Amino acid sequence: TLAPAHDIEAQLYGYPKRAQADLAALVARPDGASGMERRHIYALYGQAMVAAGQKLDALALADRLEHEAANPPDPVLRATALLIRGTAEWLAGDAAKANALAKEARTLLQRASDPYLAYLAAMTIGTTARSRGHLDEAMDSLQEAMAMAERDDDAHRRSGALYQLSTLYLVLKQPQNALDAGQQSYRFAELAGSTHGMVKARMAESAAFQLLEDPARELAAM
C-alpha cells in the first residue's frame, strides 16, 4: 500500500487530477491501511485536491479528519488535517495562515514517529517563511526537511527540499549555492522519476545562471 502512495507522491504536483483519482481508489479500499499509511494517503489526497483546484473538497476532508481525531483523541490524525488546511491556505496565497497551521501540526507531531507528516510540516514552514521574508526560519526548516529526506534515503523528498533551498539561496543572493542545490535537485528528481521535479530544478538552475551572468548556460538549462 505504502509503495503506490509513495509513487503517487512523486508525481502529485505534475498530475494532480490523476493523483487524486489514484488516491481516491486507495482511500476506498475495503481492507483499510495502517495508521501511518492511512495518514500518508489522506495527506496526499488533500494536497491533490488543492492542486487540482478543489480547495473546498480539501477543506471538507480536513474537517472530516479533525472530527474523527477528536474522539478518541488522535493528535497525529489532527496534524494531518492541519497540514491539508495549510496546503490549501498556502496555494490560496495566505502564507501566514499556512505557516501557523504547519507549526501547530509540527507541535502535535513532536511525540510521534511519522516521517512524511514531519517532512511536510518542515517544508510548509520553510516555504511559507521564505515568502514572508523570514529567511532564517526558512533556512532552518528547509535544512531540517532535507535532513529528514536524507535520513529516509528518499530521492523525491530530497529533490523537493533542494529545490526549495535553491530558491531560498536565490533570495539570499547566493547564486553558486542556488546552482549547486538546483543541480542536485535535478539529479534526485530524475532518480525519483519525477518529471515535474526535473522541470522545477531546471528552472532553478536557469535562475542561478542568470545571477551568475552566464547567459549561455542559462539558455541551456531552460
N, C-alpha and C. Protein backbone atom coordinates (compact mmCIF):
# COMPACT_ATOMS: atom_id res chain seq x y z
N THR A 1 0.83 -1.20 0.00
CA THR A 1 0.00 0.00 0.00
C THR A 1 0.86 1.25 0.00
N LEU A 2 1.87 1.27 0.86
CA LEU A 2 2.69 2.46 1.00
C LEU A 2 3.48 2.74 -0.28
N ALA A 3 3.91 1.68 -0.97
CA ALA A 3 4.68 1.89 -2.20
C ALA A 3 3.87 2.63 -3.26
N PRO A 4 2.63 2.22 -3.57
CA PRO A 4 1.85 3.01 -4.53
C PRO A 4 1.66 4.45 -4.09
N ALA A 5 1.37 4.67 -2.81
CA ALA A 5 1.18 6.04 -2.32
C ALA A 5 2.46 6.84 -2.51
N HIS A 6 3.60 6.21 -2.27
CA HIS A 6 4.86 6.92 -2.43
C HIS A 6 5.11 7.25 -3.89
N ASP A 7 4.74 6.33 -4.79
CA ASP A 7 4.88 6.61 -6.22
C ASP A 7 4.00 7.79 -6.62
N ILE A 8 2.79 7.84 -6.09
CA ILE A 8 1.87 8.95 -6.38
C ILE A 8 2.45 10.26 -5.85
N GLU A 9 3.07 10.21 -4.69
CA GLU A 9 3.65 11.41 -4.08
C GLU A 9 4.63 12.11 -5.03
N ALA A 10 5.44 11.31 -5.72
CA ALA A 10 6.47 11.88 -6.60
C ALA A 10 5.86 12.56 -7.83
N GLN A 11 4.63 12.19 -8.19
CA GLN A 11 4.01 12.72 -9.41
C GLN A 11 2.87 13.70 -9.12
N LEU A 12 2.55 13.93 -7.84
CA LEU A 12 1.31 14.60 -7.47
C LEU A 12 1.16 15.98 -8.10
N TYR A 13 2.16 16.83 -7.97
CA TYR A 13 2.01 18.21 -8.45
C TYR A 13 2.17 18.32 -9.97
N GLY A 14 2.70 17.29 -10.60
CA GLY A 14 2.75 17.27 -12.05
C GLY A 14 1.43 16.83 -12.66
N TYR A 15 0.75 15.91 -11.99
CA TYR A 15 -0.50 15.34 -12.50
C TYR A 15 -1.51 15.24 -11.35
N PRO A 16 -1.99 16.38 -10.86
CA PRO A 16 -2.83 16.35 -9.65
C PRO A 16 -4.15 15.62 -9.82
N LYS A 17 -4.80 15.73 -10.97
CA LYS A 17 -6.09 15.05 -11.15
C LYS A 17 -5.91 13.54 -11.20
N ARG A 18 -4.85 13.09 -11.88
CA ARG A 18 -4.58 11.66 -11.89
C ARG A 18 -4.25 11.17 -10.48
N ALA A 19 -3.45 11.96 -9.75
CA ALA A 19 -3.11 11.58 -8.38
C ALA A 19 -4.36 11.51 -7.52
N GLN A 20 -5.25 12.47 -7.69
CA GLN A 20 -6.47 12.48 -6.90
C GLN A 20 -7.29 11.21 -7.16
N ALA A 21 -7.41 10.80 -8.41
CA ALA A 21 -8.16 9.60 -8.74
C ALA A 21 -7.51 8.35 -8.15
N ASP A 22 -6.19 8.27 -8.27
CA ASP A 22 -5.48 7.11 -7.73
C ASP A 22 -5.60 7.05 -6.21
N LEU A 23 -5.51 8.20 -5.56
CA LEU A 23 -5.60 8.24 -4.10
C LEU A 23 -7.03 7.94 -3.63
N ALA A 24 -8.01 8.39 -4.39
CA ALA A 24 -9.40 8.07 -4.05
C ALA A 24 -9.60 6.55 -4.04
N ALA A 25 -8.96 5.86 -4.98
CA ALA A 25 -9.05 4.40 -5.02
C ALA A 25 -8.40 3.78 -3.79
N LEU A 26 -7.28 4.34 -3.35
CA LEU A 26 -6.63 3.82 -2.14
C LEU A 26 -7.49 4.09 -0.90
N VAL A 27 -8.09 5.27 -0.84
CA VAL A 27 -8.96 5.61 0.30
C VAL A 27 -10.14 4.64 0.38
N ALA A 28 -10.65 4.24 -0.77
CA ALA A 28 -11.86 3.41 -0.82
C ALA A 28 -11.60 1.91 -0.65
N ARG A 29 -10.35 1.51 -0.49
CA ARG A 29 -10.05 0.08 -0.37
C ARG A 29 -10.80 -0.55 0.80
N PRO A 30 -11.38 -1.71 0.61
CA PRO A 30 -12.13 -2.34 1.70
C PRO A 30 -11.24 -2.88 2.82
N ASP A 31 -9.96 -3.19 2.51
CA ASP A 31 -9.09 -3.80 3.53
C ASP A 31 -8.47 -2.79 4.47
N GLY A 32 -8.56 -1.50 4.13
CA GLY A 32 -8.01 -0.48 5.03
C GLY A 32 -6.49 -0.45 4.99
N ALA A 33 -5.90 0.38 5.87
CA ALA A 33 -4.45 0.52 5.91
C ALA A 33 -4.04 0.83 7.34
N SER A 34 -2.75 0.67 7.63
CA SER A 34 -2.25 1.00 8.96
C SER A 34 -2.35 2.50 9.18
N GLY A 35 -2.19 2.92 10.45
CA GLY A 35 -2.33 4.33 10.78
C GLY A 35 -1.41 5.23 9.98
N MET A 36 -0.13 4.88 9.89
CA MET A 36 0.82 5.73 9.17
C MET A 36 0.52 5.75 7.67
N GLU A 37 0.21 4.58 7.11
CA GLU A 37 -0.13 4.52 5.68
C GLU A 37 -1.38 5.36 5.40
N ARG A 38 -2.36 5.22 6.25
CA ARG A 38 -3.63 5.94 6.06
C ARG A 38 -3.41 7.44 6.10
N ARG A 39 -2.61 7.90 7.06
CA ARG A 39 -2.33 9.34 7.15
C ARG A 39 -1.58 9.83 5.92
N HIS A 40 -0.64 9.03 5.45
CA HIS A 40 0.12 9.39 4.24
C HIS A 40 -0.84 9.55 3.06
N ILE A 41 -1.72 8.59 2.88
CA ILE A 41 -2.68 8.64 1.77
C ILE A 41 -3.58 9.86 1.90
N TYR A 42 -4.11 10.12 3.09
CA TYR A 42 -5.02 11.25 3.26
C TYR A 42 -4.30 12.59 3.07
N ALA A 43 -3.07 12.70 3.56
CA ALA A 43 -2.33 13.94 3.38
C ALA A 43 -2.09 14.21 1.90
N LEU A 44 -1.73 13.17 1.15
CA LEU A 44 -1.55 13.32 -0.29
C LEU A 44 -2.87 13.63 -0.98
N TYR A 45 -3.94 12.96 -0.56
CA TYR A 45 -5.26 13.16 -1.16
C TYR A 45 -5.70 14.61 -1.02
N GLY A 46 -5.51 15.17 0.17
CA GLY A 46 -5.86 16.58 0.38
C GLY A 46 -5.04 17.52 -0.49
N GLN A 47 -3.74 17.25 -0.60
CA GLN A 47 -2.89 18.08 -1.46
C GLN A 47 -3.30 17.98 -2.92
N ALA A 48 -3.65 16.76 -3.36
CA ALA A 48 -4.06 16.58 -4.75
C ALA A 48 -5.33 17.36 -5.04
N MET A 49 -6.27 17.36 -4.10
CA MET A 49 -7.50 18.13 -4.26
C MET A 49 -7.19 19.61 -4.44
N VAL A 50 -6.32 20.13 -3.59
CA VAL A 50 -5.97 21.55 -3.67
C VAL A 50 -5.28 21.85 -5.00
N ALA A 51 -4.30 21.01 -5.37
CA ALA A 51 -3.56 21.23 -6.61
C ALA A 51 -4.46 21.12 -7.84
N ALA A 52 -5.54 20.34 -7.73
CA ALA A 52 -6.48 20.20 -8.84
C ALA A 52 -7.55 21.29 -8.83
N GLY A 53 -7.42 22.25 -7.91
CA GLY A 53 -8.36 23.36 -7.86
C GLY A 53 -9.61 23.10 -7.05
N GLN A 54 -9.58 22.08 -6.20
CA GLN A 54 -10.76 21.71 -5.41
C GLN A 54 -10.51 22.00 -3.92
N LYS A 55 -10.28 23.27 -3.63
CA LYS A 55 -9.96 23.66 -2.27
C LYS A 55 -11.08 23.32 -1.30
N LEU A 56 -12.32 23.53 -1.68
CA LEU A 56 -13.43 23.26 -0.77
C LEU A 56 -13.51 21.78 -0.42
N ASP A 57 -13.26 20.92 -1.38
CA ASP A 57 -13.25 19.47 -1.10
C ASP A 57 -12.12 19.12 -0.14
N ALA A 58 -10.97 19.76 -0.32
CA ALA A 58 -9.84 19.51 0.58
C ALA A 58 -10.16 19.95 2.01
N LEU A 59 -10.80 21.11 2.13
CA LEU A 59 -11.17 21.59 3.46
C LEU A 59 -12.24 20.71 4.10
N ALA A 60 -13.14 20.17 3.28
CA ALA A 60 -14.15 19.24 3.80
C ALA A 60 -13.48 17.96 4.30
N LEU A 61 -12.46 17.49 3.57
CA LEU A 61 -11.70 16.32 4.03
C LEU A 61 -11.01 16.62 5.35
N ALA A 62 -10.41 17.81 5.46
CA ALA A 62 -9.75 18.19 6.71
C ALA A 62 -10.76 18.24 7.86
N ASP A 63 -11.95 18.75 7.60
CA ASP A 63 -13.00 18.78 8.63
C ASP A 63 -13.32 17.37 9.10
N ARG A 64 -13.46 16.46 8.15
CA ARG A 64 -13.81 15.07 8.50
C ARG A 64 -12.71 14.42 9.34
N LEU A 65 -11.47 14.65 8.96
CA LEU A 65 -10.35 14.08 9.72
C LEU A 65 -10.26 14.68 11.12
N GLU A 66 -10.49 15.98 11.22
CA GLU A 66 -10.45 16.61 12.55
C GLU A 66 -11.56 16.08 13.44
N HIS A 67 -12.73 15.87 12.86
CA HIS A 67 -13.84 15.32 13.63
C HIS A 67 -13.51 13.91 14.12
N GLU A 68 -12.93 13.11 13.23
CA GLU A 68 -12.53 11.76 13.60
C GLU A 68 -11.44 11.77 14.66
N ALA A 69 -10.55 12.75 14.60
CA ALA A 69 -9.42 12.81 15.53
C ALA A 69 -9.81 13.30 16.92
N ALA A 70 -11.07 13.79 17.05
CA ALA A 70 -11.49 14.37 18.34
C ALA A 70 -11.81 13.30 19.38
N ASN A 71 -12.36 12.17 18.95
CA ASN A 71 -12.82 11.16 19.91
C ASN A 71 -12.72 9.76 19.29
N PRO A 72 -11.78 8.93 19.81
CA PRO A 72 -10.80 9.26 20.84
C PRO A 72 -9.74 10.22 20.30
N PRO A 73 -9.08 10.97 21.16
CA PRO A 73 -8.10 11.95 20.69
C PRO A 73 -6.97 11.30 19.89
N ASP A 74 -6.71 11.85 18.72
CA ASP A 74 -5.65 11.35 17.85
C ASP A 74 -4.88 12.56 17.31
N PRO A 75 -3.87 13.01 18.05
CA PRO A 75 -3.16 14.24 17.64
C PRO A 75 -2.47 14.13 16.29
N VAL A 76 -2.03 12.92 15.90
CA VAL A 76 -1.32 12.79 14.63
C VAL A 76 -2.30 12.89 13.46
N LEU A 77 -3.50 12.32 13.61
CA LEU A 77 -4.51 12.48 12.58
C LEU A 77 -4.95 13.94 12.50
N ARG A 78 -5.03 14.60 13.63
CA ARG A 78 -5.36 16.03 13.61
C ARG A 78 -4.27 16.82 12.90
N ALA A 79 -3.01 16.46 13.11
CA ALA A 79 -1.91 17.12 12.40
C ALA A 79 -2.06 16.94 10.89
N THR A 80 -2.53 15.76 10.46
CA THR A 80 -2.77 15.53 9.03
C THR A 80 -3.78 16.54 8.50
N ALA A 81 -4.86 16.72 9.25
CA ALA A 81 -5.89 17.68 8.83
C ALA A 81 -5.33 19.10 8.76
N LEU A 82 -4.52 19.46 9.74
CA LEU A 82 -3.95 20.81 9.76
C LEU A 82 -3.03 21.05 8.56
N LEU A 83 -2.29 20.03 8.18
CA LEU A 83 -1.38 20.18 7.04
C LEU A 83 -2.14 20.26 5.73
N ILE A 84 -3.27 19.57 5.63
CA ILE A 84 -4.13 19.74 4.44
C ILE A 84 -4.64 21.18 4.39
N ARG A 85 -5.10 21.69 5.53
CA ARG A 85 -5.54 23.09 5.58
C ARG A 85 -4.40 24.04 5.22
N GLY A 86 -3.20 23.73 5.71
CA GLY A 86 -2.05 24.57 5.41
C GLY A 86 -1.75 24.62 3.93
N THR A 87 -1.84 23.47 3.26
CA THR A 87 -1.63 23.43 1.81
C THR A 87 -2.66 24.29 1.10
N ALA A 88 -3.92 24.18 1.53
CA ALA A 88 -5.00 24.96 0.91
C ALA A 88 -4.75 26.46 1.08
N GLU A 89 -4.35 26.87 2.27
CA GLU A 89 -4.10 28.30 2.52
C GLU A 89 -2.87 28.79 1.77
N TRP A 90 -1.83 27.96 1.69
CA TRP A 90 -0.60 28.35 1.01
C TRP A 90 -0.86 28.55 -0.48
N LEU A 91 -1.55 27.61 -1.11
CA LEU A 91 -1.80 27.74 -2.54
C LEU A 91 -2.85 28.82 -2.84
N ALA A 92 -3.61 29.21 -1.81
CA ALA A 92 -4.55 30.33 -1.98
C ALA A 92 -3.88 31.68 -1.72
N GLY A 93 -2.61 31.65 -1.27
CA GLY A 93 -1.86 32.89 -1.10
C GLY A 93 -1.75 33.40 0.32
N ASP A 94 -2.26 32.64 1.30
CA ASP A 94 -2.18 33.10 2.70
C ASP A 94 -1.03 32.38 3.39
N ALA A 95 0.19 32.89 3.19
CA ALA A 95 1.39 32.25 3.74
C ALA A 95 1.40 32.29 5.25
N ALA A 96 0.90 33.36 5.85
CA ALA A 96 0.93 33.49 7.31
C ALA A 96 0.06 32.41 7.96
N LYS A 97 -1.14 32.22 7.42
CA LYS A 97 -2.04 31.21 7.98
C LYS A 97 -1.49 29.81 7.77
N ALA A 98 -0.96 29.56 6.58
CA ALA A 98 -0.37 28.25 6.29
C ALA A 98 0.80 27.96 7.22
N ASN A 99 1.62 28.96 7.47
CA ASN A 99 2.76 28.81 8.37
C ASN A 99 2.31 28.45 9.77
N ALA A 100 1.28 29.15 10.26
CA ALA A 100 0.77 28.90 11.61
C ALA A 100 0.18 27.49 11.72
N LEU A 101 -0.55 27.06 10.70
CA LEU A 101 -1.14 25.72 10.73
C LEU A 101 -0.05 24.64 10.72
N ALA A 102 0.99 24.84 9.93
CA ALA A 102 2.08 23.86 9.88
C ALA A 102 2.83 23.80 11.20
N LYS A 103 2.99 24.93 11.85
CA LYS A 103 3.66 24.93 13.16
C LYS A 103 2.81 24.23 14.21
N GLU A 104 1.50 24.41 14.14
CA GLU A 104 0.62 23.70 15.06
C GLU A 104 0.72 22.19 14.82
N ALA A 105 0.76 21.80 13.56
CA ALA A 105 0.91 20.38 13.23
C ALA A 105 2.25 19.85 13.73
N ARG A 106 3.31 20.61 13.53
CA ARG A 106 4.64 20.18 14.00
C ARG A 106 4.64 19.93 15.50
N THR A 107 3.96 20.78 16.27
CA THR A 107 3.87 20.59 17.72
C THR A 107 3.16 19.28 18.04
N LEU A 108 2.08 18.98 17.33
CA LEU A 108 1.34 17.74 17.57
C LEU A 108 2.17 16.51 17.21
N LEU A 109 3.12 16.67 16.30
CA LEU A 109 3.91 15.54 15.82
C LEU A 109 5.17 15.28 16.65
N GLN A 110 5.43 16.11 17.65
CA GLN A 110 6.69 16.01 18.38
C GLN A 110 6.88 14.66 19.06
N ARG A 111 5.79 14.06 19.51
CA ARG A 111 5.91 12.78 20.20
C ARG A 111 5.53 11.61 19.31
N ALA A 112 5.40 11.85 18.03
CA ALA A 112 5.01 10.80 17.09
C ALA A 112 6.16 10.47 16.17
N SER A 113 6.07 9.32 15.53
CA SER A 113 7.05 8.94 14.51
C SER A 113 6.29 8.80 13.20
N ASP A 114 6.27 9.88 12.44
CA ASP A 114 5.58 9.87 11.15
C ASP A 114 6.45 10.66 10.18
N PRO A 115 7.33 9.98 9.45
CA PRO A 115 8.32 10.69 8.62
C PRO A 115 7.70 11.63 7.60
N TYR A 116 6.63 11.20 6.93
CA TYR A 116 6.08 12.06 5.88
C TYR A 116 5.45 13.31 6.45
N LEU A 117 4.64 13.19 7.49
CA LEU A 117 4.00 14.37 8.05
C LEU A 117 5.03 15.34 8.62
N ALA A 118 6.09 14.81 9.25
CA ALA A 118 7.14 15.68 9.78
C ALA A 118 7.83 16.43 8.65
N TYR A 119 8.10 15.73 7.56
CA TYR A 119 8.73 16.36 6.39
C TYR A 119 7.81 17.43 5.80
N LEU A 120 6.53 17.10 5.64
CA LEU A 120 5.58 18.05 5.06
C LEU A 120 5.45 19.30 5.92
N ALA A 121 5.44 19.11 7.24
CA ALA A 121 5.36 20.27 8.14
C ALA A 121 6.59 21.16 7.98
N ALA A 122 7.78 20.55 7.94
CA ALA A 122 9.01 21.33 7.80
C ALA A 122 9.06 22.06 6.46
N MET A 123 8.64 21.38 5.40
CA MET A 123 8.63 22.01 4.07
C MET A 123 7.64 23.17 4.01
N THR A 124 6.47 22.98 4.60
CA THR A 124 5.46 24.04 4.59
C THR A 124 5.94 25.25 5.38
N ILE A 125 6.51 25.01 6.54
CA ILE A 125 7.05 26.12 7.34
C ILE A 125 8.15 26.84 6.58
N GLY A 126 9.05 26.07 5.96
CA GLY A 126 10.17 26.68 5.25
C GLY A 126 9.74 27.52 4.06
N THR A 127 8.84 26.99 3.23
CA THR A 127 8.43 27.72 2.03
C THR A 127 7.60 28.95 2.38
N THR A 128 6.73 28.83 3.37
CA THR A 128 5.90 29.98 3.74
C THR A 128 6.73 31.04 4.45
N ALA A 129 7.69 30.61 5.25
CA ALA A 129 8.57 31.58 5.91
C ALA A 129 9.38 32.36 4.88
N ARG A 130 9.88 31.67 3.85
CA ARG A 130 10.62 32.36 2.80
C ARG A 130 9.76 33.42 2.12
N SER A 131 8.53 33.07 1.81
CA SER A 131 7.67 34.02 1.10
C SER A 131 7.33 35.22 1.96
N ARG A 132 7.43 35.06 3.29
CA ARG A 132 7.14 36.17 4.20
C ARG A 132 8.39 36.96 4.56
N GLY A 133 9.54 36.56 4.01
CA GLY A 133 10.79 37.26 4.29
C GLY A 133 11.46 36.83 5.57
N HIS A 134 11.00 35.73 6.18
CA HIS A 134 11.61 35.21 7.41
C HIS A 134 12.67 34.18 7.01
N LEU A 135 13.80 34.68 6.57
CA LEU A 135 14.75 33.83 5.86
C LEU A 135 15.52 32.88 6.78
N ASP A 136 15.79 33.29 8.01
CA ASP A 136 16.46 32.38 8.95
C ASP A 136 15.56 31.20 9.28
N GLU A 137 14.29 31.49 9.53
CA GLU A 137 13.33 30.42 9.81
C GLU A 137 13.20 29.50 8.60
N ALA A 138 13.17 30.09 7.42
CA ALA A 138 13.07 29.30 6.20
C ALA A 138 14.27 28.36 6.06
N MET A 139 15.47 28.88 6.28
CA MET A 139 16.68 28.06 6.14
C MET A 139 16.66 26.92 7.15
N ASP A 140 16.34 27.22 8.39
CA ASP A 140 16.32 26.17 9.43
C ASP A 140 15.33 25.07 9.08
N SER A 141 14.13 25.44 8.64
CA SER A 141 13.10 24.45 8.36
C SER A 141 13.42 23.63 7.12
N LEU A 142 13.93 24.29 6.08
CA LEU A 142 14.25 23.55 4.85
C LEU A 142 15.45 22.63 5.05
N GLN A 143 16.41 23.05 5.84
CA GLN A 143 17.53 22.16 6.14
C GLN A 143 17.06 20.98 6.99
N GLU A 144 16.10 21.23 7.87
CA GLU A 144 15.51 20.14 8.66
C GLU A 144 14.80 19.14 7.73
N ALA A 145 14.02 19.67 6.77
CA ALA A 145 13.35 18.80 5.81
C ALA A 145 14.36 18.00 5.00
N MET A 146 15.46 18.63 4.60
CA MET A 146 16.49 17.94 3.84
C MET A 146 17.12 16.81 4.67
N ALA A 147 17.37 17.09 5.94
CA ALA A 147 17.95 16.06 6.82
C ALA A 147 17.00 14.87 6.96
N MET A 148 15.71 15.14 7.05
CA MET A 148 14.73 14.04 7.13
C MET A 148 14.75 13.20 5.86
N ALA A 149 14.79 13.87 4.71
CA ALA A 149 14.80 13.15 3.43
C ALA A 149 16.07 12.33 3.27
N GLU A 150 17.20 12.87 3.72
CA GLU A 150 18.46 12.13 3.67
C GLU A 150 18.41 10.92 4.58
N ARG A 151 17.87 11.11 5.77
CA ARG A 151 17.77 10.00 6.74
C ARG A 151 16.94 8.85 6.17
N ASP A 152 15.86 9.21 5.46
CA ASP A 152 14.98 8.19 4.89
C ASP A 152 15.42 7.74 3.51
N ASP A 153 16.51 8.32 2.99
CA ASP A 153 17.04 8.00 1.66
C ASP A 153 15.93 8.09 0.62
N ASP A 154 15.22 9.22 0.63
CA ASP A 154 14.07 9.41 -0.25
C ASP A 154 14.43 10.42 -1.34
N ALA A 155 14.58 9.93 -2.56
CA ALA A 155 15.04 10.79 -3.65
C ALA A 155 14.06 11.91 -3.95
N HIS A 156 12.77 11.61 -4.00
CA HIS A 156 11.78 12.64 -4.31
C HIS A 156 11.79 13.75 -3.26
N ARG A 157 11.81 13.38 -2.00
CA ARG A 157 11.78 14.40 -0.94
C ARG A 157 13.09 15.18 -0.90
N ARG A 158 14.20 14.53 -1.19
CA ARG A 158 15.47 15.26 -1.27
C ARG A 158 15.42 16.28 -2.40
N SER A 159 14.86 15.88 -3.54
CA SER A 159 14.73 16.81 -4.66
C SER A 159 13.88 18.01 -4.28
N GLY A 160 12.76 17.76 -3.60
CA GLY A 160 11.87 18.86 -3.20
C GLY A 160 12.54 19.83 -2.25
N ALA A 161 13.25 19.29 -1.25
CA ALA A 161 13.92 20.16 -0.29
C ALA A 161 15.04 20.95 -0.96
N LEU A 162 15.78 20.32 -1.85
CA LEU A 162 16.88 21.00 -2.54
C LEU A 162 16.35 22.10 -3.47
N TYR A 163 15.23 21.85 -4.12
CA TYR A 163 14.64 22.89 -4.97
C TYR A 163 14.26 24.11 -4.14
N GLN A 164 13.62 23.88 -3.00
CA GLN A 164 13.23 25.00 -2.15
C GLN A 164 14.46 25.71 -1.58
N LEU A 165 15.51 24.96 -1.25
CA LEU A 165 16.75 25.59 -0.79
C LEU A 165 17.38 26.41 -1.91
N SER A 166 17.34 25.90 -3.14
CA SER A 166 17.87 26.65 -4.27
C SER A 166 17.14 27.98 -4.42
N THR A 167 15.82 27.94 -4.31
CA THR A 167 15.02 29.17 -4.40
C THR A 167 15.38 30.13 -3.29
N LEU A 168 15.59 29.60 -2.08
CA LEU A 168 15.97 30.45 -0.95
C LEU A 168 17.35 31.07 -1.17
N TYR A 169 18.29 30.30 -1.70
CA TYR A 169 19.63 30.85 -1.97
C TYR A 169 19.56 31.98 -3.00
N LEU A 170 18.64 31.89 -3.93
CA LEU A 170 18.46 32.98 -4.89
C LEU A 170 18.01 34.26 -4.17
N VAL A 171 17.08 34.11 -3.24
CA VAL A 171 16.61 35.26 -2.46
C VAL A 171 17.77 35.87 -1.67
N LEU A 172 18.64 35.00 -1.16
CA LEU A 172 19.79 35.44 -0.36
C LEU A 172 20.95 35.94 -1.23
N LYS A 173 20.76 35.95 -2.55
CA LYS A 173 21.80 36.39 -3.49
C LYS A 173 23.06 35.54 -3.37
N GLN A 174 22.85 34.23 -3.29
CA GLN A 174 23.95 33.26 -3.25
C GLN A 174 23.81 32.34 -4.47
N PRO A 175 24.12 32.85 -5.67
CA PRO A 175 23.82 32.09 -6.89
C PRO A 175 24.57 30.77 -7.02
N GLN A 176 25.79 30.70 -6.52
CA GLN A 176 26.52 29.43 -6.66
C GLN A 176 25.86 28.35 -5.80
N ASN A 177 25.47 28.71 -4.57
CA ASN A 177 24.76 27.74 -3.72
C ASN A 177 23.43 27.36 -4.36
N ALA A 178 22.76 28.35 -4.96
CA ALA A 178 21.49 28.08 -5.64
C ALA A 178 21.69 27.10 -6.80
N LEU A 179 22.77 27.31 -7.55
CA LEU A 179 23.06 26.43 -8.68
C LEU A 179 23.36 25.02 -8.21
N ASP A 180 24.19 24.90 -7.19
CA ASP A 180 24.55 23.57 -6.67
C ASP A 180 23.30 22.82 -6.19
N ALA A 181 22.43 23.53 -5.45
CA ALA A 181 21.22 22.89 -4.94
C ALA A 181 20.28 22.52 -6.08
N GLY A 182 20.17 23.41 -7.09
CA GLY A 182 19.31 23.12 -8.23
C GLY A 182 19.77 21.91 -9.02
N GLN A 183 21.08 21.79 -9.21
CA GLN A 183 21.62 20.66 -9.96
C GLN A 183 21.42 19.35 -9.19
N GLN A 184 21.61 19.41 -7.87
CA GLN A 184 21.35 18.22 -7.05
C GLN A 184 19.87 17.86 -7.07
N SER A 185 19.02 18.89 -7.03
CA SER A 185 17.58 18.66 -7.08
C SER A 185 17.21 17.92 -8.36
N TYR A 186 17.80 18.32 -9.48
CA TYR A 186 17.51 17.65 -10.75
C TYR A 186 17.91 16.18 -10.70
N ARG A 187 19.09 15.91 -10.17
CA ARG A 187 19.57 14.52 -10.13
C ARG A 187 18.63 13.63 -9.30
N PHE A 188 18.18 14.15 -8.16
CA PHE A 188 17.30 13.35 -7.32
C PHE A 188 15.90 13.24 -7.94
N ALA A 189 15.42 14.28 -8.61
CA ALA A 189 14.13 14.20 -9.29
C ALA A 189 14.18 13.16 -10.40
N GLU A 190 15.30 13.12 -11.11
CA GLU A 190 15.48 12.13 -12.17
C GLU A 190 15.48 10.72 -11.57
N LEU A 191 16.17 10.57 -10.46
CA LEU A 191 16.22 9.27 -9.78
C LEU A 191 14.83 8.84 -9.32
N ALA A 192 14.01 9.81 -8.88
CA ALA A 192 12.66 9.52 -8.42
C ALA A 192 11.66 9.37 -9.56
N GLY A 193 12.08 9.69 -10.77
CA GLY A 193 11.17 9.62 -11.91
C GLY A 193 10.13 10.71 -11.91
N SER A 194 10.47 11.86 -11.34
CA SER A 194 9.52 12.98 -11.23
C SER A 194 9.81 14.02 -12.31
N THR A 195 9.03 13.99 -13.38
CA THR A 195 9.21 14.97 -14.45
C THR A 195 8.98 16.39 -13.94
N HIS A 196 7.95 16.57 -13.12
CA HIS A 196 7.64 17.88 -12.56
C HIS A 196 8.82 18.40 -11.74
N GLY A 197 9.43 17.52 -10.94
CA GLY A 197 10.59 17.92 -10.16
C GLY A 197 11.77 18.29 -11.02
N MET A 198 11.97 17.56 -12.12
CA MET A 198 13.07 17.86 -13.02
C MET A 198 12.88 19.22 -13.68
N VAL A 199 11.65 19.53 -14.08
CA VAL A 199 11.37 20.83 -14.71
C VAL A 199 11.63 21.96 -13.72
N LYS A 200 11.16 21.82 -12.49
CA LYS A 200 11.37 22.87 -11.49
C LYS A 200 12.86 23.07 -11.21
N ALA A 201 13.59 21.96 -11.13
CA ALA A 201 15.03 22.06 -10.87
C ALA A 201 15.75 22.79 -11.99
N ARG A 202 15.36 22.52 -13.24
CA ARG A 202 15.97 23.22 -14.36
C ARG A 202 15.67 24.73 -14.30
N MET A 203 14.47 25.07 -13.87
CA MET A 203 14.12 26.49 -13.71
C MET A 203 15.00 27.14 -12.65
N ALA A 204 15.26 26.42 -11.55
CA ALA A 204 16.13 26.96 -10.51
C ALA A 204 17.55 27.14 -11.03
N GLU A 205 18.03 26.16 -11.79
CA GLU A 205 19.36 26.28 -12.39
C GLU A 205 19.45 27.50 -13.29
N SER A 206 18.43 27.69 -14.13
CA SER A 206 18.42 28.83 -15.06
C SER A 206 18.47 30.16 -14.32
N ALA A 207 17.71 30.25 -13.24
CA ALA A 207 17.70 31.49 -12.44
C ALA A 207 19.07 31.73 -11.81
N ALA A 208 19.72 30.65 -11.38
CA ALA A 208 21.06 30.79 -10.78
C ALA A 208 22.07 31.25 -11.82
N PHE A 209 22.02 30.67 -13.02
CA PHE A 209 22.93 31.09 -14.08
C PHE A 209 22.71 32.57 -14.43
N GLN A 210 21.46 33.01 -14.37
CA GLN A 210 21.17 34.42 -14.66
C GLN A 210 21.88 35.32 -13.65
N LEU A 211 21.82 34.96 -12.37
CA LEU A 211 22.51 35.76 -11.35
C LEU A 211 24.03 35.67 -11.51
N LEU A 212 24.49 34.53 -11.99
CA LEU A 212 25.93 34.36 -12.22
C LEU A 212 26.38 35.02 -13.52
N GLU A 213 25.41 35.60 -14.25
CA GLU A 213 25.68 36.27 -15.53
C GLU A 213 26.35 35.32 -16.50
N ASP A 214 25.70 34.16 -16.66
CA ASP A 214 26.18 33.13 -17.59
C ASP A 214 25.03 32.81 -18.55
N PRO A 215 24.78 33.67 -19.55
CA PRO A 215 23.59 33.50 -20.39
C PRO A 215 23.58 32.23 -21.21
N ALA A 216 24.72 31.75 -21.64
CA ALA A 216 24.74 30.54 -22.45
C ALA A 216 24.25 29.34 -21.64
N ARG A 217 24.77 29.21 -20.42
CA ARG A 217 24.35 28.09 -19.59
C ARG A 217 22.92 28.29 -19.09
N GLU A 218 22.49 29.55 -18.94
CA GLU A 218 21.09 29.83 -18.59
C GLU A 218 20.16 29.29 -19.66
N LEU A 219 20.48 29.55 -20.92
CA LEU A 219 19.66 29.06 -22.02
C LEU A 219 19.69 27.54 -22.10
N ALA A 220 20.85 26.97 -21.82
CA ALA A 220 20.96 25.50 -21.86
C ALA A 220 20.10 24.87 -20.79
N ALA A 221 20.06 25.48 -19.60
CA ALA A 221 19.25 24.96 -18.52
C ALA A 221 17.77 25.03 -18.84
N MET A 222 17.38 26.10 -19.55
CA MET A 222 15.97 26.26 -19.93
C MET A 222 15.58 25.26 -21.00
